[in-house]
Amino acid sequence: MKAIVVPRSGGGLDSVALAELPMPEPGPGEVRLRVEAVSLNPVDWKLAVSGHPRWTFPHVLGLDAAGTVDAVGPGATAWRTGDRAVFHGNLSKAGVFAEYAIAPEHVLSRVPDGVPAEAAAALPCAGYTAYQALFRKVKIEAGQTVLVQGANGGVGGFAVQLAATAGARVIGLARAEHHAAVRRLGAETVLDYRDADLAPRIRALTEGGHGVDVMIEVANPGDARTSFAFIHYNGHLVSIDPLPNLAEVKPYTHAISVHEVALGGAYLAGHTPTERDFARMGDDLLARLAAGSLDPMIEERIDMAAIPDALGRLRCRAVTGKIVARIAA
């Protein structure tokens, strides 16, 4: 089968290329998908650069795939050949930028009729991250104010939509050229994250000038106090990037709950309940797609051979929304 691989240890992003590999076979509790579409995420280029200690080479990149079940391993009972599915993969194992991919059956979500494979593939990494942040960590409520950093990106864009649909007031942070797009996703106000007076401007938009209820942070600023300046006492900071430095935060001054979101950590920890929740989050997001209440934010469609170049553009942050690649017709 054809696949996009890191060919050797230490190869880095420049070595990523199209290769021919043997067909994978599903093991116990696993299924094999004939991959129809994949989406690209920043974690893909980061892994190409850093590698992973559990990889064998050549290593297939990619985490998000939609396709059709074409083989079922021993003991897998929930899926049959011909079923349409989407999943978020295990970053320590062979990935999904390939004509065929393997997944544990309990992480798969069913793709409804009428939802294109490209739209389904756009969801997992970014969509599940935003969903977990808002509904599993914070448990967002109608009427709350949510500040979304990187509101034009994958995680940020899904967070804007999900928070707005839940009845929250959304303030988005993005460059000026993306403000109109972020408003279309559901943000009430959009500000430039480079504004020197950003903290007082945000506080002025909130009740009593105290700050927002929740901040979704996709790139931490180093010192947690930078983000805490936007959030009211006893509020919530959800960190998608590595956690900010809390060393300079004085006790009893903020009382902010800090939440870490790390989808891939569930596989590495072997925490099956969280892995099963991937399927539940996917089912909900797919239902929203089918109902037309969620935009998959696909900005670019490419073919499989163009994936290495697209990963380079992701690394340079020259991308907004989602890039999807068509693997099979």
C-alpha atoms as a PDB file:
ATOM      1  CA  MET A   1       0.000   0.000   0.000  1.00  0.00           C
ATOM      2  CA  LYS A   2       1.015   3.637  -0.462  1.00  0.00           C
ATOM      3  CA  ALA A   3       1.794   5.664   2.669  1.00  0.00           C
ATOM      4  CA  ILE A   4       3.434   8.907   3.795  1.00  0.00           C
ATOM      5  CA  VAL A   5       6.349   7.977   6.053  1.00  0.00           C
ATOM      6  CA  VAL A   6       9.297   9.146   8.079  1.00  0.00           C
ATOM      7  CA  PRO A   7      11.790   6.687   6.558  1.00  0.00           C
ATOM      8  CA  ARG A   8      14.384   6.528   9.341  1.00  0.00           C
ATOM      9  CA  SER A   9      15.150   7.650  12.864  1.00  0.00           C
ATOM     10  CA  GLY A  10      16.173  11.302  12.933  1.00  0.00           C
ATOM     11  CA  GLY A  11      14.983  11.823   9.371  1.00  0.00           C
ATOM     12  CA  GLY A  12      12.973  14.902  10.277  1.00  0.00           C
ATOM     13  CA  LEU A  13      10.354  16.734   8.272  1.00  0.00           C
ATOM     14  CA  ASP A  14      12.529  17.042   5.163  1.00  0.00           C
ATOM     15  CA  SER A  15      12.700  13.250   4.859  1.00  0.00           C
ATOM     16  CA  VAL A  16       8.916  12.699   4.848  1.00  0.00           C
ATOM     17  CA  ALA A  17       7.917  11.069   1.562  1.00  0.00           C
ATOM     18  CA  LEU A  18       5.521   8.731  -0.229  1.00  0.00           C
ATOM     19  CA  ALA A  19       6.497   5.050   0.101  1.00  0.00           C
ATOM     20  CA  GLU A  20       5.205   1.553  -0.619  1.00  0.00           C
ATOM     21  CA  LEU A  21       4.577  -0.623   2.457  1.00  0.00           C
ATOM     22  CA  PRO A  22       3.037  -4.032   3.211  1.00  0.00           C
ATOM     23  CA  MET A  23      -0.679  -4.191   3.976  1.00  0.00           C
ATOM     24  CA  PRO A  24      -1.314  -4.027   7.772  1.00  0.00           C
ATOM     25  CA  GLU A  25      -3.432  -6.710   9.419  1.00  0.00           C
ATOM     26  CA  PRO A  26      -5.846  -6.089  12.330  1.00  0.00           C
ATOM     27  CA  GLY A  27      -5.052  -7.757  15.639  1.00  0.00           C
ATOM     28  CA  PRO A  28      -7.423  -8.716  18.469  1.00  0.00           C
ATOM     29  CA  GLY A  29     -10.095  -6.079  19.037  1.00  0.00           C
ATOM     30  CA  GLU A  30      -8.931  -4.091  16.011  1.00  0.00           C
ATOM     31  CA  VAL A  31     -10.360  -3.239  12.603  1.00  0.00           C
ATOM     32  CA  ARG A  32      -8.719  -2.184   9.354  1.00  0.00           C
ATOM     33  CA  LEU A  33     -10.028   0.824   7.475  1.00  0.00           C
ATOM     34  CA  ARG A  34      -9.680   1.483   3.793  1.00  0.00           C
ATOM     35  CA  VAL A  35      -8.780   5.128   4.251  1.00  0.00           C
ATOM     36  CA  GLU A  36     -10.715   7.623   2.166  1.00  0.00           C
ATOM     37  CA  ALA A  37      -9.628  10.925   3.709  1.00  0.00           C
ATOM     38  CA  VAL A  38      -7.266  12.237   6.372  1.00  0.00           C
ATOM     39  CA  SER A  39      -6.736  15.611   7.994  1.00  0.00           C
ATOM     40  CA  LEU A  40      -3.464  17.281   8.908  1.00  0.00           C
ATOM     41  CA  ASN A  41      -2.685  18.709  12.339  1.00  0.00           C
ATOM     42  CA  PRO A  42       0.282  20.553  13.867  1.00  0.00           C
ATOM     43  CA  VAL A  43       1.105  17.470  15.935  1.00  0.00           C
ATOM     44  CA  ASP A  44       1.891  15.629  12.673  1.00  0.00           C
ATOM     45  CA  TRP A  45       4.818  17.872  11.733  1.00  0.00           C
ATOM     46  CA  LYS A  46       5.967  18.042  15.366  1.00  0.00           C
ATOM     47  CA  LEU A  47       6.163  14.249  15.505  1.00  0.00           C
ATOM     48  CA  ALA A  48       7.981  14.140  12.166  1.00  0.00           C
ATOM     49  CA  VAL A  49      10.610  16.431  13.678  1.00  0.00           C
ATOM     50  CA  SER A  50      10.884  14.868  17.146  1.00  0.00           C
ATOM     51  CA  GLY A  51      10.054  11.240  16.470  1.00  0.00           C
ATOM     52  CA  HIS A  52       8.778   8.921  19.193  1.00  0.00           C
ATOM     53  CA  PRO A  53      10.656   6.282  21.217  1.00  0.00           C
ATOM     54  CA  ARG A  54       8.100   3.591  20.372  1.00  0.00           C
ATOM     55  CA  TRP A  55       8.275   4.042  16.604  1.00  0.00           C
ATOM     56  CA  THR A  56       9.691   1.505  14.190  1.00  0.00           C
ATOM     57  CA  PHE A  57      10.797   2.670  10.750  1.00  0.00           C
ATOM     58  CA  PRO A  58       9.653   3.479   8.191  1.00  0.00           C
ATOM     59  CA  HIS A  59       6.924   5.095  10.307  1.00  0.00           C
ATOM     60  CA  VAL A  60       3.562   6.118   8.837  1.00  0.00           C
ATOM     61  CA  LEU A  61       2.517   9.616   9.932  1.00  0.00           C
ATOM     62  CA  GLY A  62      -0.996  10.904  10.625  1.00  0.00           C
ATOM     63  CA  LEU A  63      -3.644  10.652  13.342  1.00  0.00           C
ATOM     64  CA  ASP A  64      -7.059  11.534  11.847  1.00  0.00           C
ATOM     65  CA  ALA A  65      -8.737   9.310   9.258  1.00  0.00           C
ATOM     66  CA  ALA A  66     -12.146   8.474   7.839  1.00  0.00           C
ATOM     67  CA  GLY A  67     -12.899   5.473   5.687  1.00  0.00           C
ATOM     68  CA  THR A  68     -14.643   2.128   5.373  1.00  0.00           C
ATOM     69  CA  VAL A  69     -14.040  -0.975   7.478  1.00  0.00           C
ATOM     70  CA  ASP A  70     -12.586  -3.661   5.212  1.00  0.00           C
ATOM     71  CA  ALA A  71     -11.298  -6.235   7.734  1.00  0.00           C
ATOM     72  CA  VAL A  72     -12.138  -7.140  11.336  1.00  0.00           C
ATOM     73  CA  GLY A  73      -9.662  -8.681  13.783  1.00  0.00           C
ATOM     74  CA  PRO A  74     -10.318 -11.507  16.266  1.00  0.00           C
ATOM     75  CA  GLY A  75     -12.747 -10.538  19.013  1.00  0.00           C
ATOM     76  CA  ALA A  76     -13.877  -7.316  17.353  1.00  0.00           C
ATOM     77  CA  THR A  77     -17.663  -7.502  17.310  1.00  0.00           C
ATOM     78  CA  ALA A  78     -19.009  -3.937  17.026  1.00  0.00           C
ATOM     79  CA  TRP A  79     -18.035  -3.349  13.382  1.00  0.00           C
ATOM     80  CA  ARG A  80     -18.606  -5.080  10.052  1.00  0.00           C
ATOM     81  CA  THR A  81     -16.982  -4.713   6.696  1.00  0.00           C
ATOM     82  CA  GLY A  82     -18.563  -1.837   4.795  1.00  0.00           C
ATOM     83  CA  ASP A  83     -19.234   0.309   7.893  1.00  0.00           C
ATOM     84  CA  ARG A  84     -18.137   3.942   7.573  1.00  0.00           C
ATOM     85  CA  ALA A  85     -15.975   5.189  10.437  1.00  0.00           C
ATOM     86  CA  VAL A  86     -13.645   7.925  11.654  1.00  0.00           C
ATOM     87  CA  PHE A  87     -11.061   7.895  14.439  1.00  0.00           C
ATOM     88  CA  HIS A  88      -8.184   9.658  16.171  1.00  0.00           C
ATOM     89  CA  GLY A  89      -5.114   7.435  16.231  1.00  0.00           C
ATOM     90  CA  ASN A  90      -2.367   6.482  18.646  1.00  0.00           C
ATOM     91  CA  LEU A  91       0.703   8.651  18.015  1.00  0.00           C
ATOM     92  CA  SER A  92       3.053   5.904  19.228  1.00  0.00           C
ATOM     93  CA  LYS A  93       1.862   3.460  16.545  1.00  0.00           C
ATOM     94  CA  ALA A  94       1.673   3.423  12.748  1.00  0.00           C
ATOM     95  CA  GLY A  95      -0.413   6.350  11.516  1.00  0.00           C
ATOM     96  CA  VAL A  96      -3.165   6.948   8.986  1.00  0.00           C
ATOM     97  CA  PHE A  97      -1.552   8.779   6.044  1.00  0.00           C
ATOM     98  CA  ALA A  98      -1.912   5.548   4.093  1.00  0.00           C
ATOM     99  CA  GLU A  99      -4.332   3.596   1.944  1.00  0.00           C
ATOM    100  CA  TYR A 100      -5.138   1.338   4.935  1.00  0.00           C
ATOM    101  CA  ALA A 101      -4.976   1.939   8.700  1.00  0.00           C
ATOM    102  CA  ILE A 102      -5.548  -0.061  11.884  1.00  0.00           C
ATOM    103  CA  ALA A 103      -7.614   1.122  14.870  1.00  0.00           C
ATOM    104  CA  PRO A 104      -8.970  -0.349  18.118  1.00  0.00           C
ATOM    105  CA  GLU A 105     -12.690  -0.829  17.530  1.00  0.00           C
ATOM    106  CA  HIS A 106     -13.668   1.061  20.699  1.00  0.00           C
ATOM    107  CA  VAL A 107     -12.315   4.420  19.466  1.00  0.00           C
ATOM    108  CA  LEU A 108     -14.260   4.449  16.179  1.00  0.00           C
ATOM    109  CA  SER A 109     -17.250   6.700  15.498  1.00  0.00           C
ATOM    110  CA  ARG A 110     -19.853   5.900  12.852  1.00  0.00           C
ATOM    111  CA  VAL A 111     -20.021   8.337   9.950  1.00  0.00           C
ATOM    112  CA  PRO A 112     -23.675   9.079   9.104  1.00  0.00           C
ATOM    113  CA  ASP A 113     -24.992   8.795   5.573  1.00  0.00           C
ATOM    114  CA  GLY A 114     -24.604  12.105   3.788  1.00  0.00           C
ATOM    115  CA  VAL A 115     -21.484  13.198   5.704  1.00  0.00           C
ATOM    116  CA  PRO A 116     -18.517  13.226   3.292  1.00  0.00           C
ATOM    117  CA  ALA A 117     -15.344  11.437   4.365  1.00  0.00           C
ATOM    118  CA  GLU A 118     -13.380  14.703   4.088  1.00  0.00           C
ATOM    119  CA  ALA A 119     -15.680  16.455   6.568  1.00  0.00           C
ATOM    120  CA  ALA A 120     -15.527  13.538   9.007  1.00  0.00           C
ATOM    121  CA  ALA A 121     -11.734  13.362   8.791  1.00  0.00           C
ATOM    122  CA  ALA A 122     -11.462  17.055   9.671  1.00  0.00           C
ATOM    123  CA  LEU A 123     -12.931  16.433  13.130  1.00  0.00           C
ATOM    124  CA  PRO A 124     -10.921  14.200  15.442  1.00  0.00           C
ATOM    125  CA  CYS A 125      -7.741  15.876  16.706  1.00  0.00           C
ATOM    126  CA  ALA A 126      -8.964  19.480  16.675  1.00  0.00           C
ATOM    127  CA  GLY A 127     -12.656  18.798  17.250  1.00  0.00           C
ATOM    128  CA  TYR A 128     -12.232  16.283  20.066  1.00  0.00           C
ATOM    129  CA  THR A 129      -9.722  18.598  21.756  1.00  0.00           C
ATOM    130  CA  ALA A 130     -12.168  21.513  21.706  1.00  0.00           C
ATOM    131  CA  TYR A 131     -15.021  19.246  22.811  1.00  0.00           C
ATOM    132  CA  GLN A 132     -13.043  17.755  25.683  1.00  0.00           C
ATOM    133  CA  ALA A 133     -11.964  21.238  26.797  1.00  0.00           C
ATOM    134  CA  LEU A 134     -15.490  22.669  26.885  1.00  0.00           C
ATOM    135  CA  PHE A 135     -17.664  19.717  27.897  1.00  0.00           C
ATOM    136  CA  ARG A 136     -15.409  17.321  29.794  1.00  0.00           C
ATOM    137  CA  LYS A 137     -13.021  19.683  31.589  1.00  0.00           C
ATOM    138  CA  VAL A 138     -14.975  22.929  32.085  1.00  0.00           C
ATOM    139  CA  LYS A 139     -18.590  21.789  31.550  1.00  0.00           C
ATOM    140  CA  ILE A 140     -19.487  25.069  29.866  1.00  0.00           C
ATOM    141  CA  GLU A 141     -22.846  26.673  30.660  1.00  0.00           C
ATOM    142  CA  ALA A 142     -25.081  29.033  28.709  1.00  0.00           C
ATOM    143  CA  GLY A 143     -24.409  32.672  29.524  1.00  0.00           C
ATOM    144  CA  GLN A 144     -20.743  32.198  30.367  1.00  0.00           C
ATOM    145  CA  THR A 145     -18.059  34.163  28.521  1.00  0.00           C
ATOM    146  CA  VAL A 146     -15.383  32.137  26.750  1.00  0.00           C
ATOM    147  CA  LEU A 147     -12.135  33.572  25.390  1.00  0.00           C
ATOM    148  CA  VAL A 148     -10.680  31.516  22.525  1.00  0.00           C
ATOM    149  CA  GLN A 149      -7.063  32.021  21.549  1.00  0.00           C
ATOM    150  CA  GLY A 150      -6.170  31.085  17.952  1.00  0.00           C
ATOM    151  CA  ALA A 151      -9.839  31.292  17.016  1.00  0.00           C
ATOM    152  CA  ASN A 152      -9.156  30.882  13.284  1.00  0.00           C
ATOM    153  CA  GLY A 153      -7.275  27.593  13.706  1.00  0.00           C
ATOM    154  CA  GLY A 154      -8.526  24.033  14.006  1.00  0.00           C
ATOM    155  CA  VAL A 155      -8.953  23.710  17.785  1.00  0.00           C
ATOM    156  CA  GLY A 156      -9.883  27.377  18.173  1.00  0.00           C
ATOM    157  CA  GLY A 157     -12.418  27.333  15.353  1.00  0.00           C
ATOM    158  CA  PHE A 158     -14.209  24.274  16.712  1.00  0.00           C
ATOM    159  CA  ALA A 159     -14.120  25.780  20.224  1.00  0.00           C
ATOM    160  CA  VAL A 160     -15.767  28.977  18.948  1.00  0.00           C
ATOM    161  CA  GLN A 161     -18.558  27.010  17.284  1.00  0.00           C
ATOM    162  CA  LEU A 162     -19.186  24.626  20.178  1.00  0.00           C
ATOM    163  CA  ALA A 163     -19.145  27.345  22.821  1.00  0.00           C
ATOM    164  CA  ALA A 164     -21.502  29.582  20.823  1.00  0.00           C
ATOM    165  CA  THR A 165     -23.894  26.686  20.193  1.00  0.00           C
ATOM    166  CA  ALA A 166     -23.899  25.978  23.934  1.00  0.00           C
ATOM    167  CA  GLY A 167     -25.125  29.529  24.549  1.00  0.00           C
ATOM    168  CA  ALA A 168     -21.853  31.090  25.674  1.00  0.00           C
ATOM    169  CA  ARG A 169     -20.633  34.541  24.689  1.00  0.00           C
ATOM    170  CA  VAL A 170     -17.463  34.024  22.691  1.00  0.00           C
ATOM    171  CA  ILE A 171     -14.528  36.416  22.374  1.00  0.00           C
ATOM    172  CA  GLY A 172     -12.068  35.274  19.718  1.00  0.00           C
ATOM    173  CA  LEU A 173      -8.409  36.200  19.337  1.00  0.00           C
ATOM    174  CA  ALA A 174      -6.973  36.236  15.822  1.00  0.00           C
ATOM    175  CA  ARG A 175      -5.179  38.416  13.302  1.00  0.00           C
ATOM    176  CA  ALA A 176      -7.272  41.168  11.737  1.00  0.00           C
ATOM    177  CA  GLU A 177      -7.533  39.389   8.380  1.00  0.00           C
ATOM    178  CA  HIS A 178      -9.326  36.477  10.078  1.00  0.00           C
ATOM    179  CA  HIS A 179     -11.831  38.467  12.154  1.00  0.00           C
ATOM    180  CA  ALA A 180     -14.739  38.163   9.716  1.00  0.00           C
ATOM    181  CA  ALA A 181     -14.296  34.388   9.450  1.00  0.00           C
ATOM    182  CA  VAL A 182     -14.200  33.983  13.236  1.00  0.00           C
ATOM    183  CA  ARG A 183     -17.399  36.007  13.592  1.00  0.00           C
ATOM    184  CA  ARG A 184     -19.083  33.713  11.070  1.00  0.00           C
ATOM    185  CA  LEU A 185     -18.148  30.769  13.305  1.00  0.00           C
ATOM    186  CA  GLY A 186     -20.078  32.370  16.167  1.00  0.00           C
ATOM    187  CA  ALA A 187     -17.779  34.775  18.021  1.00  0.00           C
ATOM    188  CA  GLU A 188     -19.551  37.866  19.343  1.00  0.00           C
ATOM    189  CA  THR A 189     -16.323  39.881  19.459  1.00  0.00           C
ATOM    190  CA  VAL A 190     -12.936  39.296  17.794  1.00  0.00           C
ATOM    191  CA  LEU A 191      -9.757  41.067  18.889  1.00  0.00           C
ATOM    192  CA  ASP A 192      -6.174  41.068  17.622  1.00  0.00           C
ATOM    193  CA  TYR A 193      -4.069  38.993  19.996  1.00  0.00           C
ATOM    194  CA  ARG A 194      -1.147  41.403  19.438  1.00  0.00           C
ATOM    195  CA  ASP A 195      -3.039  44.372  20.923  1.00  0.00           C
ATOM    196  CA  ALA A 196      -0.899  45.942  23.657  1.00  0.00           C
ATOM    197  CA  ASP A 197      -4.034  46.739  25.690  1.00  0.00           C
ATOM    198  CA  LEU A 198      -5.633  43.338  25.233  1.00  0.00           C
ATOM    199  CA  ALA A 199      -6.250  42.481  28.897  1.00  0.00           C
ATOM    200  CA  PRO A 200      -8.162  45.690  29.805  1.00  0.00           C
ATOM    201  CA  ARG A 201     -10.114  45.504  26.546  1.00  0.00           C
ATOM    202  CA  ILE A 202     -11.225  41.953  27.276  1.00  0.00           C
ATOM    203  CA  ARG A 203     -12.092  42.719  30.896  1.00  0.00           C
ATOM    204  CA  ALA A 204     -14.174  45.690  29.748  1.00  0.00           C
ATOM    205  CA  LEU A 205     -16.341  43.260  27.773  1.00  0.00           C
ATOM    206  CA  THR A 206     -17.154  41.154  30.845  1.00  0.00           C
ATOM    207  CA  GLU A 207     -19.553  41.554  33.752  1.00  0.00           C
ATOM    208  CA  GLY A 208     -18.139  43.980  36.276  1.00  0.00           C
ATOM    209  CA  GLY A 209     -14.876  44.088  34.353  1.00  0.00           C
ATOM    210  CA  HIS A 210     -13.728  40.984  36.239  1.00  0.00           C
ATOM    211  CA  GLY A 211     -12.692  38.878  33.231  1.00  0.00           C
ATOM    212  CA  VAL A 212     -13.913  35.863  31.308  1.00  0.00           C
ATOM    213  CA  ASP A 213     -15.222  32.627  32.796  1.00  0.00           C
ATOM    214  CA  VAL A 214     -13.092  30.383  30.578  1.00  0.00           C
ATOM    215  CA  MET A 215     -10.011  30.806  28.380  1.00  0.00           C
ATOM    216  CA  ILE A 216      -9.084  28.208  25.767  1.00  0.00           C
ATOM    217  CA  GLU A 217      -5.328  28.591  25.266  1.00  0.00           C
ATOM    218  CA  VAL A 218      -3.733  26.865  22.269  1.00  0.00           C
ATOM    219  CA  ALA A 219      -0.240  28.343  22.744  1.00  0.00           C
ATOM    220  CA  ASN A 220       0.872  29.153  26.273  1.00  0.00           C
ATOM    221  CA  PRO A 221       2.763  32.390  26.966  1.00  0.00           C
ATOM    222  CA  GLY A 222       5.268  30.893  29.395  1.00  0.00           C
ATOM    223  CA  ASP A 223       4.171  32.728  32.547  1.00  0.00           C
ATOM    224  CA  ALA A 224       0.650  31.713  33.552  1.00  0.00           C
ATOM    225  CA  ARG A 225      -0.031  35.197  34.908  1.00  0.00           C
ATOM    226  CA  THR A 226      -0.228  36.486  31.319  1.00  0.00           C
ATOM    227  CA  SER A 227      -3.325  34.377  30.689  1.00  0.00           C
ATOM    228  CA  PHE A 228      -4.700  34.753  34.195  1.00  0.00           C
ATOM    229  CA  ALA A 229      -4.982  38.511  33.502  1.00  0.00           C
ATOM    230  CA  PHE A 230      -7.929  37.745  31.188  1.00  0.00           C
ATOM    231  CA  ILE A 231      -9.820  35.429  33.574  1.00  0.00           C
ATOM    232  CA  HIS A 232     -11.913  36.314  36.600  1.00  0.00           C
ATOM    233  CA  TYR A 233     -11.173  34.992  40.070  1.00  0.00           C
ATOM    234  CA  ASN A 234     -12.182  31.322  40.334  1.00  0.00           C
ATOM    235  CA  GLY A 235     -12.377  30.961  36.534  1.00  0.00           C
ATOM    236  CA  HIS A 236     -10.919  28.326  34.194  1.00  0.00           C
ATOM    237  CA  LEU A 237      -7.844  28.141  31.966  1.00  0.00           C
ATOM    238  CA  VAL A 238      -7.776  25.228  29.513  1.00  0.00           C
ATOM    239  CA  SER A 239      -4.302  24.623  28.109  1.00  0.00           C
ATOM    240  CA  ILE A 240      -3.889  22.750  24.828  1.00  0.00           C
ATOM    241  CA  ASP A 241      -0.167  23.445  24.562  1.00  0.00           C
ATOM    242  CA  PRO A 242       2.105  22.299  27.426  1.00  0.00           C
ATOM    243  CA  LEU A 243       0.985  23.872  30.679  1.00  0.00           C
ATOM    244  CA  PRO A 244       2.184  27.418  31.381  1.00  0.00           C
ATOM    245  CA  ASN A 245       4.625  28.137  34.184  1.00  0.00           C
ATOM    246  CA  LEU A 246       2.737  28.533  37.466  1.00  0.00           C
ATOM    247  CA  ALA A 247       5.819  29.202  39.608  1.00  0.00           C
ATOM    248  CA  GLU A 248       5.224  32.964  39.887  1.00  0.00           C
ATOM    249  CA  VAL A 249       1.510  32.717  40.676  1.00  0.00           C
ATOM    250  CA  LYS A 250       0.990  33.656  44.337  1.00  0.00           C
ATOM    251  CA  PRO A 251      -1.406  31.446  46.319  1.00  0.00           C
ATOM    252  CA  TYR A 252      -4.963  32.706  46.869  1.00  0.00           C
ATOM    253  CA  THR A 253      -4.655  35.518  44.302  1.00  0.00           C
ATOM    254  CA  HIS A 254      -6.467  33.900  41.357  1.00  0.00           C
ATOM    255  CA  ALA A 255      -7.905  30.518  42.432  1.00  0.00           C
ATOM    256  CA  ILE A 256      -8.098  29.606  38.750  1.00  0.00           C
ATOM    257  CA  SER A 257      -8.623  25.978  37.749  1.00  0.00           C
ATOM    258  CA  VAL A 258      -6.022  24.957  35.163  1.00  0.00           C
ATOM    259  CA  HIS A 259      -6.937  22.082  32.855  1.00  0.00           C
ATOM    260  CA  GLU A 260      -4.594  20.181  30.564  1.00  0.00           C
ATOM    261  CA  VAL A 261      -5.999  18.660  27.364  1.00  0.00           C
ATOM    262  CA  ALA A 262      -3.839  15.994  25.735  1.00  0.00           C
ATOM    263  CA  LEU A 263      -5.748  13.499  23.591  1.00  0.00           C
ATOM    264  CA  GLY A 264      -2.749  11.350  22.767  1.00  0.00           C
ATOM    265  CA  GLY A 265      -1.945  10.892  26.431  1.00  0.00           C
ATOM    266  CA  ALA A 266      -4.933   8.570  26.837  1.00  0.00           C
ATOM    267  CA  TYR A 267      -3.288   5.950  24.619  1.00  0.00           C
ATOM    268  CA  LEU A 268       0.097   6.310  26.314  1.00  0.00           C
ATOM    269  CA  ALA A 269      -1.551   6.025  29.750  1.00  0.00           C
ATOM    270  CA  GLY A 270      -3.608   3.047  28.610  1.00  0.00           C
ATOM    271  CA  HIS A 271      -6.744   4.698  29.991  1.00  0.00           C
ATOM    272  CA  THR A 272      -9.457   2.855  28.082  1.00  0.00           C
ATOM    273  CA  PRO A 273     -12.396   4.927  29.448  1.00  0.00           C
ATOM    274  CA  THR A 274     -10.915   8.077  27.911  1.00  0.00           C
ATOM    275  CA  GLU A 275     -10.201   6.220  24.670  1.00  0.00           C
ATOM    276  CA  ARG A 276     -13.855   5.093  24.562  1.00  0.00           C
ATOM    277  CA  ASP A 277     -14.884   8.699  25.067  1.00  0.00           C
ATOM    278  CA  PHE A 278     -13.189   9.541  21.757  1.00  0.00           C
ATOM    279  CA  ALA A 279     -15.959   7.555  20.066  1.00  0.00           C
ATOM    280  CA  ARG A 280     -18.702   9.338  22.038  1.00  0.00           C
ATOM    281  CA  MET A 281     -17.274  12.779  21.266  1.00  0.00           C
ATOM    282  CA  GLY A 282     -16.975  11.806  17.620  1.00  0.00           C
ATOM    283  CA  ASP A 283     -20.574  10.582  17.506  1.00  0.00           C
ATOM    284  CA  ASP A 284     -21.817  13.924  18.847  1.00  0.00           C
ATOM    285  CA  LEU A 285     -19.677  16.000  16.473  1.00  0.00           C
ATOM    286  CA  LEU A 286     -20.700  13.862  13.491  1.00  0.00           C
ATOM    287  CA  ALA A 287     -24.369  14.334  14.400  1.00  0.00           C
ATOM    288  CA  ARG A 288     -23.773  18.087  14.383  1.00  0.00           C
ATOM    289  CA  LEU A 289     -22.113  17.821  10.979  1.00  0.00           C
ATOM    290  CA  ALA A 290     -25.037  15.806   9.644  1.00  0.00           C
ATOM    291  CA  ALA A 291     -27.485  18.408  10.995  1.00  0.00           C
ATOM    292  CA  GLY A 292     -25.542  21.267   9.397  1.00  0.00           C
ATOM    293  CA  SER A 293     -24.800  22.924  12.754  1.00  0.00           C
ATOM    294  CA  LEU A 294     -21.022  22.426  12.639  1.00  0.00           C
ATOM    295  CA  ASP A 295     -18.613  23.717   9.999  1.00  0.00           C
ATOM    296  CA  PRO A 296     -15.653  21.336   9.413  1.00  0.00           C
ATOM    297  CA  MET A 297     -13.655  24.430   8.383  1.00  0.00           C
ATOM    298  CA  ILE A 298     -11.975  22.755   5.418  1.00  0.00           C
ATOM    299  CA  GLU A 299      -9.828  25.438   3.810  1.00  0.00           C
ATOM    300  CA  GLU A 300      -7.795  23.238   1.488  1.00  0.00           C
ATOM    301  CA  ARG A 301      -8.154  19.848  -0.184  1.00  0.00           C
ATOM    302  CA  ILE A 302      -5.027  18.092  -1.430  1.00  0.00           C
ATOM    303  CA  ASP A 303      -3.987  14.695  -2.717  1.00  0.00           C
ATOM    304  CA  MET A 304      -1.842  12.225  -0.832  1.00  0.00           C
ATOM    305  CA  ALA A 305       1.421  13.173  -2.532  1.00  0.00           C
ATOM    306  CA  ALA A 306       1.021  16.801  -1.400  1.00  0.00           C
ATOM    307  CA  ILE A 307       0.976  15.936   2.327  1.00  0.00           C
ATOM    308  CA  PRO A 308       4.727  16.499   2.966  1.00  0.00           C
ATOM    309  CA  ASP A 309       4.578  20.022   1.518  1.00  0.00           C
ATOM    310  CA  ALA A 310       1.409  20.813   3.500  1.00  0.00           C
ATOM    311  CA  LEU A 311       3.090  19.701   6.734  1.00  0.00           C
ATOM    312  CA  GLY A 312       5.851  22.218   6.033  1.00  0.00           C
ATOM    313  CA  ARG A 313       3.295  24.995   5.622  1.00  0.00           C
ATOM    314  CA  LEU A 314       1.640  23.957   8.883  1.00  0.00           C
ATOM    315  CA  ARG A 315       5.004  24.264  10.589  1.00  0.00           C
ATOM    316  CA  CYS A 316       5.359  27.814   9.248  1.00  0.00           C
ATOM    317  CA  ARG A 317       1.822  28.616  10.485  1.00  0.00           C
ATOM    318  CA  ALA A 318       0.839  29.478   6.924  1.00  0.00           C
ATOM    319  CA  VAL A 319      -2.487  27.661   7.316  1.00  0.00           C
ATOM    320  CA  THR A 320      -5.911  28.535   8.706  1.00  0.00           C
ATOM    321  CA  GLY A 321      -8.784  26.117   9.256  1.00  0.00           C
ATOM    322  CA  LYS A 322      -8.241  22.503   8.220  1.00  0.00           C
ATOM    323  CA  ILE A 323      -6.325  20.773   5.433  1.00  0.00           C
ATOM    324  CA  VAL A 324      -7.706  17.418   4.307  1.00  0.00           C
ATOM    325  CA  ALA A 325      -6.167  14.943   1.897  1.00  0.00           C
ATOM    326  CA  ARG A 326      -8.142  12.542  -0.249  1.00  0.00           C
ATOM    327  CA  ILE A 327      -6.607   9.056  -0.114  1.00  0.00           C
ATOM    328  CA  ALA A 328      -9.125   6.871  -1.983  1.00  0.00           C
ATOM    329  CA  ALA A 329     -12.233   7.499  -4.080  1.00  0.00           C
END
